[in-house]
Amino acid sequence: MLEVRLSFSYGRREVLKEVEFSAQKERLLAIIGPNGAGKSTLLKCMVGILKPRGYVKLDNTNLLKLKPRDRAKFITYVPQ
């Protein structure tokens, strides 16, 4: 199971505030919203490009606590 709870600010500007969701294995998850809603920022936080507050857990392992090389075993990210 994927569990996410994140907050992120660019300086003093908070762009993600306690975004929280979970996804079951073998299920499709879509992140949708208007331009500027924070979708790309959320994904960058989830893969560790940006440093958010909170966690991204995959089967109870917090991926944000892993070294980048170890995290890469679980995540693939292709920028837009």
PDB file of N, CA and C in Angstrom:
ATOM      1  N   MET A   1       0.830  -1.173   0.000  1.00  0.00           N
ATOM      2  CA  MET A   1       0.000   0.000   0.000  1.00  0.00           C
ATOM      3  C   MET A   1       0.882   1.247   0.000  1.00  0.00           C
ATOM      4  N   LEU A   2       0.459   2.243  -0.737  1.00  0.00           N
ATOM      5  CA  LEU A   2       1.113   3.547  -0.770  1.00  0.00           C
ATOM      6  C   LEU A   2       0.345   4.481   0.152  1.00  0.00           C
ATOM      7  N   GLU A   3       1.064   5.129   1.064  1.00  0.00           N
ATOM      8  CA  GLU A   3       0.462   6.111   1.965  1.00  0.00           C
ATOM      9  C   GLU A   3       1.263   7.399   1.868  1.00  0.00           C
ATOM     10  N   VAL A   4       0.575   8.508   1.658  1.00  0.00           N
ATOM     11  CA  VAL A   4       1.239   9.799   1.481  1.00  0.00           C
ATOM     12  C   VAL A   4       0.604  10.823   2.407  1.00  0.00           C
ATOM     13  N   ARG A   5       1.439  11.588   3.071  1.00  0.00           N
ATOM     14  CA  ARG A   5       1.006  12.765   3.832  1.00  0.00           C
ATOM     15  C   ARG A   5       2.143  13.766   3.756  1.00  0.00           C
ATOM     16  N   LEU A   6       1.915  14.855   3.029  1.00  0.00           N
ATOM     17  CA  LEU A   6       2.976  15.819   2.750  1.00  0.00           C
ATOM     18  C   LEU A   6       2.500  17.252   2.893  1.00  0.00           C
ATOM     19  N   SER A   7       3.445  18.107   3.260  1.00  0.00           N
ATOM     20  CA  SER A   7       3.289  19.555   3.182  1.00  0.00           C
ATOM     21  C   SER A   7       4.575  20.083   2.576  1.00  0.00           C
ATOM     22  N   PHE A   8       4.457  21.180   1.819  1.00  0.00           N
ATOM     23  CA  PHE A   8       5.647  21.752   1.194  1.00  0.00           C
ATOM     24  C   PHE A   8       5.447  23.242   0.968  1.00  0.00           C
ATOM     25  N   SER A   9       6.526  23.991   1.194  1.00  0.00           N
ATOM     26  CA  SER A   9       6.514  25.436   0.967  1.00  0.00           C
ATOM     27  C   SER A   9       7.707  25.829   0.121  1.00  0.00           C
ATOM     28  N   TYR A  10       7.477  26.773  -0.777  1.00  0.00           N
ATOM     29  CA  TYR A  10       8.563  27.466  -1.470  1.00  0.00           C
ATOM     30  C   TYR A  10       8.804  28.725  -0.658  1.00  0.00           C
ATOM     31  N   GLY A  11       9.828  28.694   0.200  1.00  0.00           N
ATOM     32  CA  GLY A  11      10.035  29.820   1.112  1.00  0.00           C
ATOM     33  C   GLY A  11       8.866  29.908   2.077  1.00  0.00           C
ATOM     34  N   ARG A  12       8.226  31.068   2.137  1.00  0.00           N
ATOM     35  CA  ARG A  12       7.072  31.252   3.024  1.00  0.00           C
ATOM     36  C   ARG A  12       5.750  30.906   2.350  1.00  0.00           C
ATOM     37  N   ARG A  13       5.798  30.609   1.068  1.00  0.00           N
ATOM     38  CA  ARG A  13       4.571  30.321   0.315  1.00  0.00           C
ATOM     39  C   ARG A  13       4.248  28.824   0.387  1.00  0.00           C
ATOM     40  N   GLU A  14       3.252  28.486   1.180  1.00  0.00           N
ATOM     41  CA  GLU A  14       2.854  27.084   1.323  1.00  0.00           C
ATOM     42  C   GLU A  14       2.037  26.669   0.100  1.00  0.00           C
ATOM     43  N   VAL A  15       2.513  25.643  -0.602  1.00  0.00           N
ATOM     44  CA  VAL A  15       1.828  25.203  -1.820  1.00  0.00           C
ATOM     45  C   VAL A  15       1.146  23.847  -1.646  1.00  0.00           C
ATOM     46  N   LEU A  16       1.613  23.047  -0.715  1.00  0.00           N
ATOM     47  CA  LEU A  16       0.950  21.783  -0.371  1.00  0.00           C
ATOM     48  C   LEU A  16       0.743  21.776   1.135  1.00  0.00           C
ATOM     49  N   LYS A  17      -0.497  21.655   1.563  1.00  0.00           N
ATOM     50  CA  LYS A  17      -0.790  21.677   2.995  1.00  0.00           C
ATOM     51  C   LYS A  17      -1.477  20.372   3.385  1.00  0.00           C
ATOM     52  N   GLU A  18      -0.722  19.536   4.064  1.00  0.00           N
ATOM     53  CA  GLU A  18      -1.232  18.256   4.561  1.00  0.00           C
ATOM     54  C   GLU A  18      -2.014  17.485   3.504  1.00  0.00           C
ATOM     55  N   VAL A  19      -1.399  17.316   2.338  1.00  0.00           N
ATOM     56  CA  VAL A  19      -1.986  16.485   1.284  1.00  0.00           C
ATOM     57  C   VAL A  19      -1.870  15.041   1.745  1.00  0.00           C
ATOM     58  N   GLU A  20      -2.981  14.356   1.784  1.00  0.00           N
ATOM     59  CA  GLU A  20      -2.980  13.000   2.333  1.00  0.00           C
ATOM     60  C   GLU A  20      -3.840  12.087   1.466  1.00  0.00           C
ATOM     61  N   PHE A  21      -3.269  10.931   1.107  1.00  0.00           N
ATOM     62  CA  PHE A  21      -4.029   9.921   0.370  1.00  0.00           C
ATOM     63  C   PHE A  21      -3.324   8.581   0.482  1.00  0.00           C
ATOM     64  N   SER A  22      -4.041   7.538   0.113  1.00  0.00           N
ATOM     65  CA  SER A  22      -3.445   6.206   0.064  1.00  0.00           C
ATOM     66  C   SER A  22      -3.938   5.515  -1.195  1.00  0.00           C
ATOM     67  N   ALA A  23      -3.186   4.512  -1.616  1.00  0.00           N
ATOM     68  CA  ALA A  23      -3.543   3.745  -2.813  1.00  0.00           C
ATOM     69  C   ALA A  23      -3.201   2.283  -2.572  1.00  0.00           C
ATOM     70  N   GLN A  24      -4.108   1.425  -2.947  1.00  0.00           N
ATOM     71  CA  GLN A  24      -3.906  -0.011  -2.811  1.00  0.00           C
ATOM     72  C   GLN A  24      -3.052  -0.536  -3.965  1.00  0.00           C
ATOM     73  N   LYS A  25      -2.395  -1.653  -3.740  1.00  0.00           N
ATOM     74  CA  LYS A  25      -1.644  -2.318  -4.805  1.00  0.00           C
ATOM     75  C   LYS A  25      -2.590  -2.709  -5.926  1.00  0.00           C
ATOM     76  N   GLU A  26      -2.071  -2.686  -7.132  1.00  0.00           N
ATOM     77  CA  GLU A  26      -2.798  -3.091  -8.335  1.00  0.00           C
ATOM     78  C   GLU A  26      -4.031  -2.229  -8.595  1.00  0.00           C
ATOM     79  N   ARG A  27      -3.981  -0.983  -8.154  1.00  0.00           N
ATOM     80  CA  ARG A  27      -5.048  -0.020  -8.421  1.00  0.00           C
ATOM     81  C   ARG A  27      -4.455   1.164  -9.173  1.00  0.00           C
ATOM     82  N   LEU A  28      -5.268   1.804  -9.970  1.00  0.00           N
ATOM     83  CA  LEU A  28      -4.859   2.984 -10.717  1.00  0.00           C
ATOM     84  C   LEU A  28      -5.176   4.222  -9.895  1.00  0.00           C
ATOM     85  N   LEU A  29      -4.234   5.150  -9.840  1.00  0.00           N
ATOM     86  CA  LEU A  29      -4.418   6.403  -9.119  1.00  0.00           C
ATOM     87  C   LEU A  29      -4.140   7.543 -10.079  1.00  0.00           C
ATOM     88  N   ALA A  30      -5.017   8.519 -10.139  1.00  0.00           N
ATOM     89  CA  ALA A  30      -4.823   9.697 -10.989  1.00  0.00           C
ATOM     90  C   ALA A  30      -4.745  10.932 -10.105  1.00  0.00           C
ATOM     91  N   ILE A  31      -3.798  11.799 -10.409  1.00  0.00           N
ATOM     92  CA  ILE A  31      -3.686  13.088  -9.729  1.00  0.00           C
ATOM     93  C   ILE A  31      -4.071  14.136 -10.757  1.00  0.00           C
ATOM     94  N   ILE A  32      -5.230  14.756 -10.564  1.00  0.00           N
ATOM     95  CA  ILE A  32      -5.740  15.708 -11.540  1.00  0.00           C
ATOM     96  C   ILE A  32      -6.028  17.042 -10.860  1.00  0.00           C
ATOM     97  N   GLY A  33      -6.034  18.106 -11.657  1.00  0.00           N
ATOM     98  CA  GLY A  33      -6.353  19.429 -11.141  1.00  0.00           C
ATOM     99  C   GLY A  33      -5.949  20.483 -12.144  1.00  0.00           C
ATOM    100  N   PRO A  34      -6.357  21.717 -11.906  1.00  0.00           N
ATOM    101  CA  PRO A  34      -6.039  22.802 -12.838  1.00  0.00           C
ATOM    102  C   PRO A  34      -4.555  23.166 -12.794  1.00  0.00           C
ATOM    103  N   ASN A  35      -4.123  23.915 -13.794  1.00  0.00           N
ATOM    104  CA  ASN A  35      -2.746  24.412 -13.822  1.00  0.00           C
ATOM    105  C   ASN A  35      -2.461  25.181 -12.532  1.00  0.00           C
ATOM    106  N   GLY A  36      -1.272  24.954 -11.983  1.00  0.00           N
ATOM    107  CA  GLY A  36      -0.873  25.664 -10.774  1.00  0.00           C
ATOM    108  C   GLY A  36      -1.425  25.092  -9.482  1.00  0.00           C
ATOM    109  N   ALA A  37      -2.090  23.954  -9.553  1.00  0.00           N
ATOM    110  CA  ALA A  37      -2.689  23.360  -8.352  1.00  0.00           C
ATOM    111  C   ALA A  37      -1.663  22.649  -7.469  1.00  0.00           C
ATOM    112  N   GLY A  38      -0.490  22.317  -8.021  1.00  0.00           N
ATOM    113  CA  GLY A  38       0.546  21.652  -7.232  1.00  0.00           C
ATOM    114  C   GLY A  38       0.778  20.196  -7.580  1.00  0.00           C
ATOM    115  N   LYS A  39       0.251  19.747  -8.712  1.00  0.00           N
ATOM    116  CA  LYS A  39       0.409  18.331  -9.096  1.00  0.00           C
ATOM    117  C   LYS A  39       1.879  17.968  -9.297  1.00  0.00           C
ATOM    118  N   SER A  40       2.600  18.769 -10.052  1.00  0.00           N
ATOM    119  CA  SER A  40       4.024  18.480 -10.298  1.00  0.00           C
ATOM    120  C   SER A  40       4.835  18.619  -9.022  1.00  0.00           C
ATOM    121  N   THR A  41       4.510  19.603  -8.201  1.00  0.00           N
ATOM    122  CA  THR A  41       5.197  19.769  -6.921  1.00  0.00           C
ATOM    123  C   THR A  41       4.967  18.551  -6.040  1.00  0.00           C
ATOM    124  N   LEU A  42       3.748  18.043  -6.020  1.00  0.00           N
ATOM    125  CA  LEU A  42       3.440  16.840  -5.244  1.00  0.00           C
ATOM    126  C   LEU A  42       4.294  15.665  -5.708  1.00  0.00           C
ATOM    127  N   LEU A  43       4.361  15.446  -7.010  1.00  0.00           N
ATOM    128  CA  LEU A  43       5.164  14.331  -7.529  1.00  0.00           C
ATOM    129  C   LEU A  43       6.641  14.514  -7.215  1.00  0.00           C
ATOM    130  N   LYS A  44       7.154  15.737  -7.341  1.00  0.00           N
ATOM    131  CA  LYS A  44       8.566  15.993  -7.017  1.00  0.00           C
ATOM    132  C   LYS A  44       8.842  15.748  -5.539  1.00  0.00           C
ATOM    133  N   CYS A  45       7.895  16.068  -4.695  1.00  0.00           N
ATOM    134  CA  CYS A  45       8.041  15.769  -3.267  1.00  0.00           C
ATOM    135  C   CYS A  45       8.015  14.262  -3.023  1.00  0.00           C
ATOM    136  N   MET A  46       7.115  13.576  -3.695  1.00  0.00           N
ATOM    137  CA  MET A  46       6.974  12.136  -3.491  1.00  0.00           C
ATOM    138  C   MET A  46       8.219  11.358  -3.896  1.00  0.00           C
ATOM    139  N   VAL A  47       8.932  11.821  -4.917  1.00  0.00           N
ATOM    140  CA  VAL A  47      10.113  11.087  -5.375  1.00  0.00           C
ATOM    141  C   VAL A  47      11.401  11.602  -4.737  1.00  0.00           C
ATOM    142  N   GLY A  48      11.323  12.669  -3.930  1.00  0.00           N
ATOM    143  CA  GLY A  48      12.490  13.152  -3.216  1.00  0.00           C
ATOM    144  C   GLY A  48      13.279  14.233  -3.918  1.00  0.00           C
ATOM    145  N   ILE A  49      12.776  14.766  -5.023  1.00  0.00           N
ATOM    146  CA  ILE A  49      13.455  15.881  -5.695  1.00  0.00           C
ATOM    147  C   ILE A  49      13.353  17.130  -4.829  1.00  0.00           C
ATOM    148  N   LEU A  50      12.169  17.377  -4.280  1.00  0.00           N
ATOM    149  CA  LEU A  50      11.965  18.446  -3.308  1.00  0.00           C
ATOM    150  C   LEU A  50      11.905  17.816  -1.924  1.00  0.00           C
ATOM    151  N   LYS A  51      12.163  18.592  -0.904  1.00  0.00           N
ATOM    152  CA  LYS A  51      12.216  18.086   0.474  1.00  0.00           C
ATOM    153  C   LYS A  51      10.983  18.540   1.260  1.00  0.00           C
ATOM    154  N   PRO A  52       9.939  17.729   1.258  1.00  0.00           N
ATOM    155  CA  PRO A  52       8.711  18.095   1.966  1.00  0.00           C
ATOM    156  C   PRO A  52       8.773  17.733   3.447  1.00  0.00           C
ATOM    157  N   ARG A  53       7.763  18.178   4.164  1.00  0.00           N
ATOM    158  CA  ARG A  53       7.515  17.679   5.519  1.00  0.00           C
ATOM    159  C   ARG A  53       6.504  16.548   5.369  1.00  0.00           C
ATOM    160  N   GLY A  54       6.688  15.493   6.112  1.00  0.00           N
ATOM    161  CA  GLY A  54       5.744  14.385   6.048  1.00  0.00           C
ATOM    162  C   GLY A  54       6.392  13.101   5.590  1.00  0.00           C
ATOM    163  N   TYR A  55       5.593  12.251   4.953  1.00  0.00           N
ATOM    164  CA  TYR A  55       6.102  10.937   4.562  1.00  0.00           C
ATOM    165  C   TYR A  55       5.453  10.437   3.284  1.00  0.00           C
ATOM    166  N   VAL A  56       6.173   9.510   2.659  1.00  0.00           N
ATOM    167  CA  VAL A  56       5.672   8.706   1.544  1.00  0.00           C
ATOM    168  C   VAL A  56       6.038   7.274   1.910  1.00  0.00           C
ATOM    169  N   LYS A  57       5.048   6.493   2.298  1.00  0.00           N
ATOM    170  CA  LYS A  57       5.303   5.121   2.740  1.00  0.00           C
ATOM    171  C   LYS A  57       4.833   4.134   1.686  1.00  0.00           C
ATOM    172  N   LEU A  58       5.678   3.180   1.414  1.00  0.00           N
ATOM    173  CA  LEU A  58       5.332   2.061   0.549  1.00  0.00           C
ATOM    174  C   LEU A  58       5.522   0.806   1.382  1.00  0.00           C
ATOM    175  N   ASP A  59       4.431   0.129   1.667  1.00  0.00           N
ATOM    176  CA  ASP A  59       4.469  -1.054   2.546  1.00  0.00           C
ATOM    177  C   ASP A  59       5.201  -0.743   3.850  1.00  0.00           C
ATOM    178  N   ASN A  60       4.842   0.379   4.466  1.00  0.00           N
ATOM    179  CA  ASN A  60       5.361   0.846   5.756  1.00  0.00           C
ATOM    180  C   ASN A  60       6.820   1.286   5.744  1.00  0.00           C
ATOM    181  N   THR A  61       7.447   1.401   4.577  1.00  0.00           N
ATOM    182  CA  THR A  61       8.796   1.943   4.470  1.00  0.00           C
ATOM    183  C   THR A  61       8.688   3.388   4.012  1.00  0.00           C
ATOM    184  N   ASN A  62       9.216   4.319   4.811  1.00  0.00           N
ATOM    185  CA  ASN A  62       9.189   5.729   4.434  1.00  0.00           C
ATOM    186  C   ASN A  62      10.262   5.970   3.378  1.00  0.00           C
ATOM    187  N   LEU A  63       9.840   6.136   2.139  1.00  0.00           N
ATOM    188  CA  LEU A  63      10.778   6.287   1.025  1.00  0.00           C
ATOM    189  C   LEU A  63      11.608   7.558   1.134  1.00  0.00           C
ATOM    190  N   LEU A  64      11.086   8.583   1.791  1.00  0.00           N
ATOM    191  CA  LEU A  64      11.824   9.838   1.912  1.00  0.00           C
ATOM    192  C   LEU A  64      12.998   9.730   2.874  1.00  0.00           C
ATOM    193  N   LYS A  65      13.017   8.697   3.692  1.00  0.00           N
ATOM    194  CA  LYS A  65      14.131   8.480   4.629  1.00  0.00           C
ATOM    195  C   LYS A  65      15.265   7.677   3.991  1.00  0.00           C
ATOM    196  N   LEU A  66      15.019   7.111   2.816  1.00  0.00           N
ATOM    197  CA  LEU A  66      16.033   6.297   2.142  1.00  0.00           C
ATOM    198  C   LEU A  66      17.028   7.166   1.394  1.00  0.00           C
ATOM    199  N   LYS A  67      18.221   6.642   1.205  1.00  0.00           N
ATOM    200  CA  LYS A  67      19.204   7.301   0.345  1.00  0.00           C
ATOM    201  C   LYS A  67      18.687   7.249  -1.089  1.00  0.00           C
ATOM    202  N   PRO A  68      19.041   8.235  -1.920  1.00  0.00           N
ATOM    203  CA  PRO A  68      18.534   8.262  -3.299  1.00  0.00           C
ATOM    204  C   PRO A  68      18.735   6.952  -4.056  1.00  0.00           C
ATOM    205  N   ARG A  69      19.865   6.321  -3.897  1.00  0.00           N
ATOM    206  CA  ARG A  69      20.129   5.061  -4.603  1.00  0.00           C
ATOM    207  C   ARG A  69      19.165   3.962  -4.157  1.00  0.00           C
ATOM    208  N   ASP A  70      18.883   3.910  -2.861  1.00  0.00           N
ATOM    209  CA  ASP A  70      17.939   2.913  -2.345  1.00  0.00           C
ATOM    210  C   ASP A  70      16.507   3.254  -2.753  1.00  0.00           C
ATOM    211  N   ARG A  71      16.169   4.547  -2.753  1.00  0.00           N
ATOM    212  CA  ARG A  71      14.831   4.979  -3.164  1.00  0.00           C
ATOM    213  C   ARG A  71      14.574   4.634  -4.621  1.00  0.00           C
ATOM    214  N   ALA A  72      15.598   4.687  -5.445  1.00  0.00           N
ATOM    215  CA  ALA A  72      15.457   4.401  -6.882  1.00  0.00           C
ATOM    216  C   ALA A  72      15.033   2.957  -7.149  1.00  0.00           C
ATOM    217  N   LYS A  73      15.189   2.084  -6.182  1.00  0.00           N
ATOM    218  CA  LYS A  73      14.735   0.700  -6.345  1.00  0.00           C
ATOM    219  C   LYS A  73      13.209   0.608  -6.325  1.00  0.00           C
ATOM    220  N   PHE A  74      12.560   1.642  -5.790  1.00  0.00           N
ATOM    221  CA  PHE A  74      11.104   1.647  -5.648  1.00  0.00           C
ATOM    222  C   PHE A  74      10.401   2.622  -6.587  1.00  0.00           C
ATOM    223  N   ILE A  75      11.105   3.669  -7.023  1.00  0.00           N
ATOM    224  CA  ILE A  75      10.467   4.779  -7.741  1.00  0.00           C
ATOM    225  C   ILE A  75      11.158   5.042  -9.069  1.00  0.00           C
ATOM    226  N   THR A  76      10.348   5.270 -10.087  1.00  0.00           N
ATOM    227  CA  THR A  76      10.839   5.775 -11.367  1.00  0.00           C
ATOM    228  C   THR A  76      10.076   7.056 -11.660  1.00  0.00           C
ATOM    229  N   TYR A  77      10.780   8.107 -12.067  1.00  0.00           N
ATOM    230  CA  TYR A  77      10.145   9.401 -12.316  1.00  0.00           C
ATOM    231  C   TYR A  77      10.604   9.922 -13.663  1.00  0.00           C
ATOM    232  N   VAL A  78       9.657  10.267 -14.514  1.00  0.00           N
ATOM    233  CA  VAL A  78       9.951  10.876 -15.814  1.00  0.00           C
ATOM    234  C   VAL A  78       9.318  12.260 -15.790  1.00  0.00           C
ATOM    235  N   PRO A  79      10.127  13.327 -15.791  1.00  0.00           N
ATOM    236  CA  PRO A  79       9.547  14.677 -15.724  1.00  0.00           C
ATOM    237  C   PRO A  79       8.742  15.009 -16.971  1.00  0.00           C
ATOM    238  N   GLN A  80       7.820  15.950 -16.809  1.00  0.00           N
ATOM    239  CA  GLN A  80       6.966  16.343 -17.934  1.00  0.00           C
ATOM    240  C   GLN A  80       7.709  17.104 -18.995  1.00  0.00           C
TER     241      GLN A  80
END
